[in-house]
N, C-alpha and C. Protein backbone atom coordinates (compact mmCIF):
# COMPACT_ATOMS: atom_id res chain seq x y z
N MET A 1 96.72 103.80 84.42
CA MET A 1 97.44 104.95 84.92
C MET A 1 98.36 104.51 86.05
N THR A 2 99.24 105.42 86.47
CA THR A 2 100.20 105.12 87.53
C THR A 2 99.86 105.90 88.79
N ILE A 3 99.79 105.19 89.91
CA ILE A 3 99.65 105.83 91.21
C ILE A 3 100.96 105.60 91.96
N LEU A 4 101.62 106.69 92.33
CA LEU A 4 102.84 106.61 93.12
C LEU A 4 102.48 106.87 94.58
N VAL A 5 102.73 105.89 95.42
CA VAL A 5 102.49 106.05 96.86
C VAL A 5 103.84 106.27 97.53
N GLU A 6 103.97 107.40 98.20
CA GLU A 6 105.24 107.76 98.84
C GLU A 6 104.95 108.13 100.28
N GLN A 7 105.53 107.37 101.19
CA GLN A 7 105.24 107.61 102.61
C GLN A 7 106.36 107.06 103.47
N GLY A 8 106.83 107.89 104.41
CA GLY A 8 107.86 107.45 105.33
C GLY A 8 109.15 107.03 104.67
N GLY A 9 109.51 107.68 103.57
CA GLY A 9 110.76 107.35 102.88
C GLY A 9 110.65 106.19 101.91
N ARG A 10 109.51 105.56 101.85
CA ARG A 10 109.28 104.45 100.92
C ARG A 10 108.47 104.93 99.72
N LYS A 11 108.70 104.29 98.60
CA LYS A 11 107.95 104.62 97.38
C LYS A 11 107.54 103.32 96.68
N LYS A 12 106.38 103.35 96.08
CA LYS A 12 105.97 102.21 95.25
C LYS A 12 104.98 102.70 94.20
N LYS A 13 105.18 102.24 92.98
CA LYS A 13 104.29 102.58 91.88
C LYS A 13 103.28 101.45 91.66
N PHE A 14 102.03 101.85 91.45
CA PHE A 14 100.96 100.91 91.16
C PHE A 14 100.38 101.24 89.79
N GLN A 15 100.37 100.26 88.91
CA GLN A 15 99.75 100.42 87.60
C GLN A 15 98.26 100.07 87.74
N MET A 16 97.42 101.06 87.55
CA MET A 16 95.99 100.91 87.83
C MET A 16 95.17 100.99 86.55
N HIS A 17 94.07 100.27 86.52
CA HIS A 17 93.07 100.45 85.46
C HIS A 17 92.25 101.70 85.82
N ARG A 18 92.39 102.73 85.04
CA ARG A 18 91.75 104.00 85.34
C ARG A 18 90.23 103.86 85.50
N GLY A 19 89.62 103.05 84.65
CA GLY A 19 88.18 102.86 84.72
C GLY A 19 87.74 102.22 86.03
N LEU A 20 88.48 101.19 86.47
CA LEU A 20 88.17 100.55 87.74
C LEU A 20 88.35 101.52 88.90
N LEU A 21 89.43 102.25 88.87
CA LEU A 21 89.73 103.21 89.94
C LEU A 21 88.62 104.23 90.07
N CYS A 22 88.18 104.78 88.97
CA CYS A 22 87.14 105.82 88.99
C CYS A 22 85.76 105.24 89.28
N HIS A 23 85.55 104.00 88.89
CA HIS A 23 84.25 103.37 89.15
C HIS A 23 84.04 103.12 90.64
N TYR A 24 85.06 102.66 91.33
CA TYR A 24 84.90 102.28 92.73
C TYR A 24 85.20 103.41 93.72
N SER A 25 85.96 104.41 93.29
CA SER A 25 86.31 105.52 94.18
C SER A 25 85.75 106.83 93.65
N GLU A 26 84.78 107.40 94.37
CA GLU A 26 84.22 108.68 93.97
C GLU A 26 85.27 109.79 94.07
N TYR A 27 86.19 109.61 95.00
CA TYR A 27 87.28 110.59 95.12
C TYR A 27 88.09 110.64 93.82
N PHE A 28 88.57 109.49 93.36
CA PHE A 28 89.39 109.48 92.15
C PHE A 28 88.57 109.83 90.91
N ASN A 29 87.31 109.45 90.89
CA ASN A 29 86.45 109.81 89.77
C ASN A 29 86.35 111.32 89.63
N THR A 30 86.11 112.00 90.77
CA THR A 30 86.01 113.45 90.74
C THR A 30 87.36 114.10 90.44
N LEU A 31 88.41 113.55 91.03
CA LEU A 31 89.75 114.11 90.82
C LEU A 31 90.19 114.02 89.37
N LEU A 32 89.95 112.86 88.75
CA LEU A 32 90.48 112.61 87.41
C LEU A 32 89.53 112.97 86.29
N ASN A 33 88.25 113.10 86.61
CA ASN A 33 87.27 113.38 85.56
C ASN A 33 86.42 114.62 85.83
N GLY A 34 86.68 115.30 86.92
CA GLY A 34 85.77 116.36 87.34
C GLY A 34 86.24 117.78 87.18
N GLY A 35 87.25 118.02 86.37
CA GLY A 35 87.66 119.40 86.13
C GLY A 35 88.73 119.93 87.05
N PHE A 36 89.26 119.09 87.94
CA PHE A 36 90.38 119.52 88.77
C PHE A 36 91.67 119.53 87.94
N GLY A 37 92.74 120.02 88.54
CA GLY A 37 94.01 120.10 87.83
C GLY A 37 94.53 118.75 87.39
N GLU A 38 94.12 117.69 88.10
CA GLU A 38 94.57 116.35 87.76
C GLU A 38 93.75 115.72 86.65
N SER A 39 92.67 116.37 86.25
CA SER A 39 91.74 115.79 85.28
C SER A 39 92.47 115.44 83.97
N GLY A 40 92.26 114.22 83.53
CA GLY A 40 92.84 113.76 82.27
C GLY A 40 94.25 113.23 82.38
N ARG A 41 94.90 113.41 83.54
CA ARG A 41 96.27 112.94 83.69
C ARG A 41 96.31 111.44 83.99
N ASN A 42 97.43 110.83 83.67
CA ASN A 42 97.60 109.40 83.90
C ASN A 42 98.63 109.10 84.98
N PHE A 43 98.89 110.09 85.82
CA PHE A 43 99.82 109.91 86.94
C PHE A 43 99.29 110.71 88.13
N HIS A 44 99.36 110.07 89.32
CA HIS A 44 98.94 110.77 90.54
C HIS A 44 99.79 110.27 91.70
N LYS A 45 100.22 111.20 92.56
CA LYS A 45 101.05 110.83 93.71
C LYS A 45 100.26 110.98 94.99
N LEU A 46 100.37 109.97 95.86
CA LEU A 46 99.75 109.99 97.18
C LEU A 46 100.85 109.99 98.24
N THR A 47 100.73 110.89 99.20
CA THR A 47 101.74 110.96 100.26
C THR A 47 101.14 110.76 101.64
N GLU A 48 99.82 110.62 101.74
CA GLU A 48 99.16 110.48 103.03
C GLU A 48 98.62 109.07 103.26
N VAL A 49 99.06 108.12 102.45
CA VAL A 49 98.58 106.74 102.54
C VAL A 49 99.77 105.81 102.70
N GLU A 50 99.68 104.84 103.58
CA GLU A 50 100.74 103.85 103.72
C GLU A 50 100.72 102.89 102.54
N ILE A 51 101.90 102.50 102.10
CA ILE A 51 102.00 101.61 100.95
C ILE A 51 101.26 100.30 101.20
N ASP A 52 101.41 99.73 102.40
CA ASP A 52 100.76 98.46 102.70
C ASP A 52 99.24 98.59 102.64
N THR A 53 98.72 99.74 103.05
CA THR A 53 97.28 99.97 102.99
C THR A 53 96.81 100.06 101.55
N PHE A 54 97.56 100.81 100.73
CA PHE A 54 97.17 100.94 99.33
C PHE A 54 97.30 99.61 98.60
N GLN A 55 98.25 98.78 99.02
CA GLN A 55 98.42 97.45 98.42
C GLN A 55 97.16 96.61 98.60
N VAL A 56 96.53 96.70 99.77
CA VAL A 56 95.29 95.96 100.01
C VAL A 56 94.19 96.48 99.08
N PHE A 57 94.09 97.81 98.94
CA PHE A 57 93.11 98.40 98.02
C PHE A 57 93.38 97.94 96.59
N PHE A 58 94.63 97.97 96.17
CA PHE A 58 95.02 97.56 94.82
C PHE A 58 94.63 96.10 94.56
N TYR A 59 94.93 95.24 95.52
CA TYR A 59 94.62 93.81 95.35
C TYR A 59 93.11 93.59 95.31
N TRP A 60 92.38 94.27 96.19
CA TRP A 60 90.92 94.12 96.19
C TRP A 60 90.32 94.63 94.89
N LEU A 61 90.83 95.75 94.40
CA LEU A 61 90.31 96.35 93.17
C LEU A 61 90.42 95.39 91.99
N ASN A 62 91.47 94.58 91.99
CA ASN A 62 91.73 93.68 90.86
C ASN A 62 91.19 92.28 91.05
N THR A 63 90.91 91.90 92.31
CA THR A 63 90.49 90.52 92.56
C THR A 63 89.17 90.40 93.32
N GLY A 64 88.77 91.48 94.02
CA GLY A 64 87.59 91.41 94.87
C GLY A 64 87.84 90.75 96.20
N VAL A 65 89.11 90.46 96.52
CA VAL A 65 89.48 89.77 97.75
C VAL A 65 90.19 90.74 98.69
N ILE A 66 89.82 90.69 99.98
CA ILE A 66 90.48 91.52 100.99
C ILE A 66 91.78 90.83 101.40
N SER A 67 92.89 91.30 100.87
CA SER A 67 94.19 90.69 101.14
C SER A 67 95.27 91.63 100.61
N ASP A 68 96.50 91.46 101.11
CA ASP A 68 97.62 92.20 100.53
C ASP A 68 98.27 91.42 99.40
N GLY A 69 97.75 90.23 99.12
CA GLY A 69 98.29 89.40 98.06
C GLY A 69 99.40 88.49 98.51
N GLY A 70 99.77 88.58 99.79
CA GLY A 70 100.88 87.77 100.28
C GLY A 70 100.48 86.47 100.93
N GLY A 71 99.19 86.21 101.02
CA GLY A 71 98.72 84.95 101.58
C GLY A 71 98.52 84.94 103.08
N GLN A 72 98.84 86.05 103.76
CA GLN A 72 98.66 86.12 105.20
C GLN A 72 97.39 86.90 105.55
N ASP A 73 96.75 86.52 106.66
CA ASP A 73 95.58 87.26 107.11
C ASP A 73 95.99 88.66 107.56
N LEU A 74 95.14 89.63 107.27
CA LEU A 74 95.40 90.99 107.72
C LEU A 74 95.21 91.09 109.22
N GLN A 75 96.08 91.82 109.87
CA GLN A 75 95.92 92.09 111.30
C GLN A 75 94.83 93.14 111.49
N LYS A 76 94.28 93.20 112.70
CA LYS A 76 93.18 94.12 112.96
C LYS A 76 93.55 95.57 112.69
N VAL A 77 94.75 95.97 113.08
CA VAL A 77 95.20 97.34 112.82
C VAL A 77 95.23 97.62 111.32
N GLU A 78 95.68 96.65 110.53
CA GLU A 78 95.72 96.82 109.07
C GLU A 78 94.31 96.93 108.51
N ILE A 79 93.39 96.15 109.03
CA ILE A 79 92.00 96.20 108.57
C ILE A 79 91.42 97.58 108.83
N ILE A 80 91.68 98.13 110.00
CA ILE A 80 91.15 99.45 110.34
C ILE A 80 91.75 100.52 109.44
N LYS A 81 93.04 100.43 109.16
CA LYS A 81 93.68 101.40 108.27
C LYS A 81 93.07 101.37 106.88
N VAL A 82 92.74 100.18 106.39
CA VAL A 82 92.11 100.07 105.08
C VAL A 82 90.71 100.70 105.12
N TYR A 83 89.98 100.49 106.22
CA TYR A 83 88.65 101.10 106.34
C TYR A 83 88.77 102.63 106.31
N VAL A 84 89.73 103.18 107.04
CA VAL A 84 89.92 104.63 107.08
C VAL A 84 90.28 105.15 105.69
N PHE A 85 91.14 104.42 104.97
CA PHE A 85 91.47 104.78 103.59
C PHE A 85 90.21 104.80 102.72
N ALA A 86 89.42 103.72 102.81
CA ALA A 86 88.22 103.62 101.98
C ALA A 86 87.22 104.72 102.30
N ASP A 87 87.14 105.11 103.56
CA ASP A 87 86.25 106.19 103.95
C ASP A 87 86.74 107.52 103.39
N CYS A 88 88.04 107.76 103.51
CA CYS A 88 88.63 109.01 103.05
C CYS A 88 88.57 109.16 101.53
N TYR A 89 88.80 108.07 100.82
CA TYR A 89 88.84 108.11 99.37
C TYR A 89 87.53 107.63 98.73
N LEU A 90 86.51 107.55 99.55
CA LEU A 90 85.14 107.32 99.08
C LEU A 90 85.01 106.04 98.25
N VAL A 91 85.52 104.94 98.81
CA VAL A 91 85.40 103.62 98.17
C VAL A 91 84.37 102.85 98.98
N GLN A 92 83.10 103.10 98.67
CA GLN A 92 82.02 102.61 99.50
C GLN A 92 81.96 101.09 99.60
N GLU A 93 82.15 100.42 98.49
CA GLU A 93 82.04 98.95 98.50
C GLU A 93 83.16 98.33 99.34
N LEU A 94 84.34 98.91 99.28
CA LEU A 94 85.45 98.40 100.09
C LEU A 94 85.18 98.63 101.58
N LYS A 95 84.59 99.77 101.93
CA LYS A 95 84.22 100.02 103.32
C LYS A 95 83.33 98.91 103.86
N ASN A 96 82.34 98.52 103.08
CA ASN A 96 81.43 97.47 103.52
C ASN A 96 82.13 96.12 103.63
N LYS A 97 82.99 95.82 102.67
CA LYS A 97 83.69 94.53 102.69
C LYS A 97 84.69 94.45 103.84
N ILE A 98 85.31 95.56 104.17
CA ILE A 98 86.31 95.53 105.24
C ILE A 98 85.65 95.36 106.59
N LEU A 99 84.40 95.81 106.74
CA LEU A 99 83.66 95.54 107.97
C LEU A 99 83.44 94.04 108.14
N GLU A 100 83.12 93.37 107.06
CA GLU A 100 82.96 91.92 107.12
C GLU A 100 84.29 91.25 107.48
N ALA A 101 85.38 91.78 106.94
CA ALA A 101 86.70 91.22 107.26
C ALA A 101 87.02 91.38 108.74
N LEU A 102 86.65 92.52 109.32
CA LEU A 102 86.89 92.72 110.75
C LEU A 102 86.07 91.74 111.58
N PHE A 103 84.82 91.55 111.20
CA PHE A 103 83.97 90.59 111.91
C PHE A 103 84.55 89.19 111.84
N LEU A 104 84.96 88.76 110.65
CA LEU A 104 85.51 87.42 110.49
C LEU A 104 86.82 87.26 111.25
N SER A 105 87.61 88.34 111.32
CA SER A 105 88.84 88.30 112.09
C SER A 105 88.56 88.11 113.58
N ASP A 106 87.55 88.83 114.08
CA ASP A 106 87.18 88.68 115.49
C ASP A 106 86.66 87.27 115.78
N VAL A 107 85.88 86.74 114.85
CA VAL A 107 85.33 85.39 115.03
C VAL A 107 86.45 84.35 115.01
N LYS A 108 87.41 84.53 114.11
CA LYS A 108 88.49 83.55 113.97
C LYS A 108 89.35 83.48 115.22
N THR A 109 89.66 84.64 115.80
CA THR A 109 90.50 84.66 116.99
C THR A 109 89.67 84.64 118.27
N TRP A 110 88.36 84.82 118.11
CA TRP A 110 87.41 84.94 119.22
C TRP A 110 87.92 85.94 120.26
N ALA A 111 88.31 87.12 119.74
CA ALA A 111 88.80 88.17 120.62
C ALA A 111 88.52 89.52 119.98
N VAL A 112 87.76 90.36 120.68
CA VAL A 112 87.54 91.74 120.25
C VAL A 112 88.54 92.59 121.02
N SER A 113 89.56 93.05 120.35
CA SER A 113 90.70 93.67 121.03
C SER A 113 90.40 95.09 121.48
N SER A 114 90.57 95.33 122.76
CA SER A 114 90.34 96.68 123.29
C SER A 114 91.45 97.64 122.87
N PHE A 115 92.63 97.13 122.52
CA PHE A 115 93.74 98.02 122.19
C PHE A 115 93.49 98.80 120.90
N ILE A 116 92.54 98.36 120.07
CA ILE A 116 92.25 99.11 118.85
C ILE A 116 91.19 100.18 119.06
N ASN A 117 90.60 100.25 120.26
CA ASN A 117 89.60 101.28 120.53
C ASN A 117 90.12 102.68 120.22
N PRO A 118 91.30 103.09 120.75
CA PRO A 118 91.78 104.45 120.47
C PRO A 118 91.99 104.71 118.98
N LEU A 119 92.51 103.72 118.25
CA LEU A 119 92.73 103.90 116.81
C LEU A 119 91.41 104.13 116.09
N ILE A 120 90.41 103.32 116.39
CA ILE A 120 89.12 103.46 115.74
C ILE A 120 88.51 104.83 116.03
N TYR A 121 88.56 105.24 117.29
CA TYR A 121 87.89 106.49 117.66
C TYR A 121 88.70 107.73 117.30
N ASP A 122 89.98 107.57 117.05
CA ASP A 122 90.78 108.69 116.58
C ASP A 122 90.63 108.91 115.08
N GLN A 123 90.32 107.82 114.34
CA GLN A 123 90.35 107.88 112.88
C GLN A 123 88.97 107.89 112.22
N THR A 124 87.90 107.74 112.99
CA THR A 124 86.56 107.69 112.40
C THR A 124 85.65 108.71 113.04
N PRO A 125 84.63 109.19 112.31
CA PRO A 125 83.72 110.19 112.86
C PRO A 125 82.61 109.56 113.69
N GLU A 126 81.91 110.39 114.44
CA GLU A 126 80.76 109.94 115.21
C GLU A 126 79.73 109.30 114.29
N GLY A 127 79.17 108.18 114.71
CA GLY A 127 78.17 107.48 113.91
C GLY A 127 78.75 106.55 112.86
N SER A 128 80.07 106.38 112.84
CA SER A 128 80.71 105.51 111.86
C SER A 128 80.21 104.08 111.98
N PRO A 129 79.93 103.39 110.86
CA PRO A 129 79.57 101.97 110.92
C PRO A 129 80.65 101.12 111.58
N LEU A 130 81.91 101.52 111.43
CA LEU A 130 82.98 100.76 112.08
C LEU A 130 82.86 100.86 113.59
N ARG A 131 82.56 102.04 114.11
CA ARG A 131 82.36 102.18 115.55
C ARG A 131 81.19 101.33 116.02
N LYS A 132 80.10 101.37 115.26
CA LYS A 132 78.91 100.62 115.67
C LYS A 132 79.20 99.12 115.72
N LEU A 133 79.86 98.60 114.68
CA LEU A 133 80.18 97.17 114.65
C LEU A 133 81.09 96.80 115.81
N HIS A 134 82.12 97.59 116.03
CA HIS A 134 83.08 97.28 117.08
C HIS A 134 82.42 97.28 118.46
N VAL A 135 81.58 98.28 118.73
CA VAL A 135 80.88 98.34 120.01
C VAL A 135 79.94 97.15 120.17
N ASP A 136 79.21 96.82 119.11
CA ASP A 136 78.28 95.69 119.18
C ASP A 136 79.01 94.38 119.47
N LEU A 137 80.11 94.15 118.75
CA LEU A 137 80.85 92.91 118.96
C LEU A 137 81.43 92.84 120.37
N THR A 138 81.91 93.97 120.87
CA THR A 138 82.46 94.00 122.22
C THR A 138 81.38 93.71 123.25
N LEU A 139 80.25 94.39 123.11
CA LEU A 139 79.16 94.23 124.06
C LEU A 139 78.60 92.81 124.06
N GLU A 140 78.57 92.19 122.91
CA GLU A 140 77.93 90.89 122.78
C GLU A 140 78.84 89.72 123.15
N THR A 141 80.14 89.96 123.25
CA THR A 141 81.04 88.83 123.46
C THR A 141 82.03 88.98 124.61
N GLU A 142 82.27 90.19 125.08
CA GLU A 142 83.32 90.41 126.06
C GLU A 142 82.82 90.40 127.51
N ASP A 143 83.68 89.98 128.42
CA ASP A 143 83.29 89.98 129.83
C ASP A 143 83.84 91.18 130.60
N PHE A 144 84.72 91.97 129.97
CA PHE A 144 85.27 93.19 130.58
C PHE A 144 85.94 92.92 131.93
N LYS A 145 86.44 91.73 132.12
CA LYS A 145 86.97 91.34 133.43
C LYS A 145 88.21 92.15 133.81
N ASP A 146 89.05 92.46 132.83
CA ASP A 146 90.32 93.13 133.13
C ASP A 146 90.37 94.56 132.61
N TRP A 147 89.24 95.20 132.39
CA TRP A 147 89.25 96.49 131.72
C TRP A 147 89.97 97.58 132.52
N ARG A 148 89.95 97.50 133.85
CA ARG A 148 90.62 98.53 134.66
C ARG A 148 92.14 98.50 134.50
N GLU A 149 92.67 97.37 134.06
CA GLU A 149 94.11 97.27 133.86
C GLU A 149 94.57 97.95 132.58
N HIS A 150 93.62 98.34 131.74
CA HIS A 150 93.98 98.95 130.44
C HIS A 150 93.08 100.16 130.17
N LEU A 151 93.02 101.08 131.10
CA LEU A 151 92.14 102.23 130.97
C LEU A 151 92.49 103.08 129.75
N GLU A 152 93.76 103.04 129.34
CA GLU A 152 94.17 103.84 128.18
C GLU A 152 93.52 103.34 126.89
N HIS A 153 92.94 102.15 126.93
CA HIS A 153 92.28 101.59 125.75
C HIS A 153 90.82 102.01 125.62
N TYR A 154 90.33 102.82 126.56
CA TYR A 154 88.90 103.13 126.60
C TYR A 154 88.66 104.64 126.53
N PRO A 155 88.73 105.22 125.32
CA PRO A 155 88.47 106.66 125.17
C PRO A 155 87.02 106.99 125.54
N LYS A 156 86.79 108.24 125.88
CA LYS A 156 85.48 108.67 126.37
C LYS A 156 84.38 108.42 125.34
N GLU A 157 84.65 108.69 124.08
CA GLU A 157 83.62 108.49 123.05
C GLU A 157 83.23 107.02 122.94
N TYR A 158 84.22 106.16 123.09
CA TYR A 158 83.92 104.72 123.04
C TYR A 158 83.02 104.33 124.20
N LEU A 159 83.34 104.80 125.40
CA LEU A 159 82.53 104.47 126.57
C LEU A 159 81.11 105.03 126.42
N ALA A 160 81.00 106.23 125.84
CA ALA A 160 79.67 106.81 125.61
C ALA A 160 78.86 105.94 124.66
N ASP A 161 79.48 105.47 123.57
CA ASP A 161 78.78 104.59 122.63
C ASP A 161 78.41 103.27 123.28
N LEU A 162 79.30 102.76 124.10
CA LEU A 162 79.04 101.50 124.79
C LEU A 162 77.86 101.64 125.75
N PHE A 163 77.82 102.73 126.51
CA PHE A 163 76.72 102.95 127.45
C PHE A 163 75.40 103.13 126.71
N ASP A 164 75.43 103.85 125.59
CA ASP A 164 74.21 104.02 124.80
C ASP A 164 73.69 102.67 124.30
N ALA A 165 74.61 101.82 123.84
CA ALA A 165 74.21 100.49 123.35
C ALA A 165 73.64 99.65 124.48
N CYS A 166 74.23 99.75 125.67
CA CYS A 166 73.72 99.01 126.84
C CYS A 166 72.30 99.47 127.19
N ARG A 167 72.09 100.76 127.17
CA ARG A 167 70.77 101.29 127.51
C ARG A 167 69.71 100.86 126.50
N GLU A 168 70.07 100.91 125.22
CA GLU A 168 69.12 100.53 124.17
C GLU A 168 68.73 99.06 124.28
N ARG A 169 69.68 98.22 124.67
CA ARG A 169 69.42 96.78 124.71
C ARG A 169 69.07 96.27 126.11
N LYS A 170 69.16 97.20 127.08
CA LYS A 170 68.82 96.84 128.47
C LYS A 170 69.70 95.70 128.98
N VAL A 171 71.01 95.86 128.76
CA VAL A 171 71.99 94.90 129.25
C VAL A 171 73.11 95.67 129.94
N VAL A 172 74.02 94.95 130.57
CA VAL A 172 75.17 95.57 131.21
C VAL A 172 76.44 95.03 130.58
N PRO A 173 77.53 95.82 130.55
CA PRO A 173 78.79 95.31 130.01
C PRO A 173 79.24 94.07 130.77
N GLY A 174 79.65 93.07 130.02
CA GLY A 174 80.10 91.83 130.63
C GLY A 174 79.07 90.73 130.63
N SER A 175 77.84 91.05 130.20
CA SER A 175 76.81 90.02 130.19
C SER A 175 76.96 89.07 129.01
N ALA A 176 77.70 89.52 127.97
CA ALA A 176 77.92 88.68 126.77
C ALA A 176 76.62 88.07 126.28
N PHE A 177 75.58 88.92 126.22
CA PHE A 177 74.24 88.41 125.92
C PHE A 177 74.12 87.85 124.52
N GLY A 178 75.02 88.23 123.62
CA GLY A 178 74.91 87.74 122.26
C GLY A 178 75.08 86.25 122.14
N LEU A 179 75.71 85.64 123.12
CA LEU A 179 75.98 84.20 123.06
C LEU A 179 74.93 83.38 123.81
N ASP A 180 73.99 84.06 124.43
CA ASP A 180 73.01 83.34 125.25
C ASP A 180 72.04 82.51 124.44
N ASN A 181 71.77 82.95 123.22
CA ASN A 181 70.76 82.29 122.42
C ASN A 181 71.42 81.50 121.28
N GLY A 182 71.61 80.22 121.47
CA GLY A 182 72.16 79.37 120.42
C GLY A 182 73.67 79.21 120.46
N GLY A 183 74.32 79.76 121.48
CA GLY A 183 75.77 79.62 121.58
C GLY A 183 76.50 80.37 120.48
N THR A 184 77.77 80.08 120.32
CA THR A 184 78.60 80.81 119.35
C THR A 184 78.12 80.60 117.92
N GLU A 185 77.75 79.38 117.57
CA GLU A 185 77.32 79.11 116.20
C GLU A 185 76.05 79.88 115.87
N GLY A 186 75.09 79.88 116.80
CA GLY A 186 73.85 80.62 116.57
C GLY A 186 74.09 82.10 116.48
N TRP A 187 75.02 82.61 117.30
CA TRP A 187 75.34 84.04 117.28
C TRP A 187 75.95 84.44 115.95
N ILE A 188 76.88 83.64 115.44
CA ILE A 188 77.53 83.95 114.17
C ILE A 188 76.52 83.96 113.03
N LYS A 189 75.64 82.96 113.00
CA LYS A 189 74.63 82.89 111.94
C LYS A 189 73.70 84.10 111.99
N GLU A 190 73.31 84.50 113.21
CA GLU A 190 72.41 85.65 113.34
C GLU A 190 73.09 86.93 112.88
N LYS A 191 74.37 87.10 113.23
CA LYS A 191 75.10 88.30 112.82
C LYS A 191 75.25 88.35 111.30
N MET A 192 75.57 87.23 110.69
CA MET A 192 75.76 87.20 109.24
C MET A 192 74.45 87.44 108.50
N ALA A 193 73.35 86.93 109.05
CA ALA A 193 72.05 87.07 108.38
C ALA A 193 71.60 88.53 108.31
N HIS A 194 72.00 89.32 109.29
CA HIS A 194 71.54 90.72 109.34
C HIS A 194 72.68 91.72 109.22
N PHE A 195 73.83 91.25 108.77
CA PHE A 195 75.02 92.10 108.76
C PHE A 195 74.83 93.30 107.84
N CYS A 196 74.33 93.06 106.65
CA CYS A 196 74.20 94.14 105.66
C CYS A 196 73.28 95.25 106.16
N GLU A 197 72.11 94.89 106.65
CA GLU A 197 71.15 95.91 107.08
C GLU A 197 71.63 96.68 108.30
N ARG A 198 72.46 96.04 109.13
CA ARG A 198 72.92 96.70 110.35
C ARG A 198 74.16 97.57 110.15
N TYR A 199 75.05 97.15 109.25
CA TYR A 199 76.36 97.81 109.21
C TYR A 199 76.78 98.36 107.85
N HIS A 200 76.23 97.86 106.77
CA HIS A 200 76.64 98.36 105.46
C HIS A 200 76.05 99.73 105.18
N ASP A 201 76.79 100.50 104.43
CA ASP A 201 76.34 101.83 104.00
C ASP A 201 76.26 101.81 102.48
N HIS A 202 75.05 101.95 101.95
CA HIS A 202 74.85 101.90 100.50
C HIS A 202 74.48 103.26 99.91
N THR A 203 74.61 104.31 100.70
CA THR A 203 74.36 105.65 100.16
C THR A 203 75.50 106.03 99.24
N LYS A 204 75.21 106.85 98.26
CA LYS A 204 76.24 107.27 97.30
C LYS A 204 77.09 108.35 97.95
N PRO A 205 78.40 108.13 98.06
CA PRO A 205 79.26 109.15 98.69
C PRO A 205 79.41 110.36 97.80
N GLU A 206 79.54 111.52 98.44
CA GLU A 206 79.74 112.76 97.69
C GLU A 206 81.21 113.17 97.83
N ALA A 207 81.82 113.49 96.70
CA ALA A 207 83.22 113.89 96.72
C ALA A 207 83.39 115.16 97.54
N ARG A 208 84.42 115.18 98.35
CA ARG A 208 84.66 116.33 99.20
C ARG A 208 85.17 117.50 98.38
N GLY A 209 84.86 118.71 98.86
CA GLY A 209 85.30 119.89 98.14
C GLY A 209 86.80 120.00 98.08
N SER A 210 87.52 119.44 99.04
CA SER A 210 88.98 119.53 99.06
C SER A 210 89.60 118.27 98.49
N VAL A 211 88.94 117.70 97.47
CA VAL A 211 89.35 116.41 96.94
C VAL A 211 90.80 116.40 96.51
N GLY A 212 91.31 117.51 96.03
CA GLY A 212 92.69 117.55 95.56
C GLY A 212 93.71 117.62 96.66
N ASN A 213 93.25 117.75 97.91
CA ASN A 213 94.17 117.95 99.02
C ASN A 213 94.19 116.81 100.03
N VAL A 214 93.51 115.71 99.74
CA VAL A 214 93.47 114.60 100.68
C VAL A 214 94.88 113.99 100.80
């Protein structure tokens, strides 16, 4: 089938395998097979998704690889946008894979960027696995030395989650306690060993009642 993505004056058509699309996305499965007006059609237009974001979904759907297909690493903002897309369109497996991509991106650059805090907390609900991962990585690796210089990067909900995590673990921001046991290599191995149980969501998503209006 054809998915037309139109956003910000740009348009791009994606030729999709209908079976793959419906298998991985509960949103599209319900939209195309669940009795809505779009049911049975082989064309659908999206106007609330960026083309570059959908390109990552398209490439992952066909290859299983988190990439836009251009050979460049995704930037953190792009990774978050893909997570928000996967959450909105109920692509559970992609949500889990994109969390791993964010972790690997942070490890590669060895920097948990505070500038993405507002984006994460504006685009995700309370209790989101993305929020949990981001707070954990920040708490375990950052020294918060210059945080007062960038107060606009620290929304209230983020600070509340950070304080809750500190209380639960009996640590203070800036202690970087995650690196105390085994150094960076030991920390990475420990995170990878327990990543699925801590951050993945394997519950079956339920299609939203307003599925035709996303």
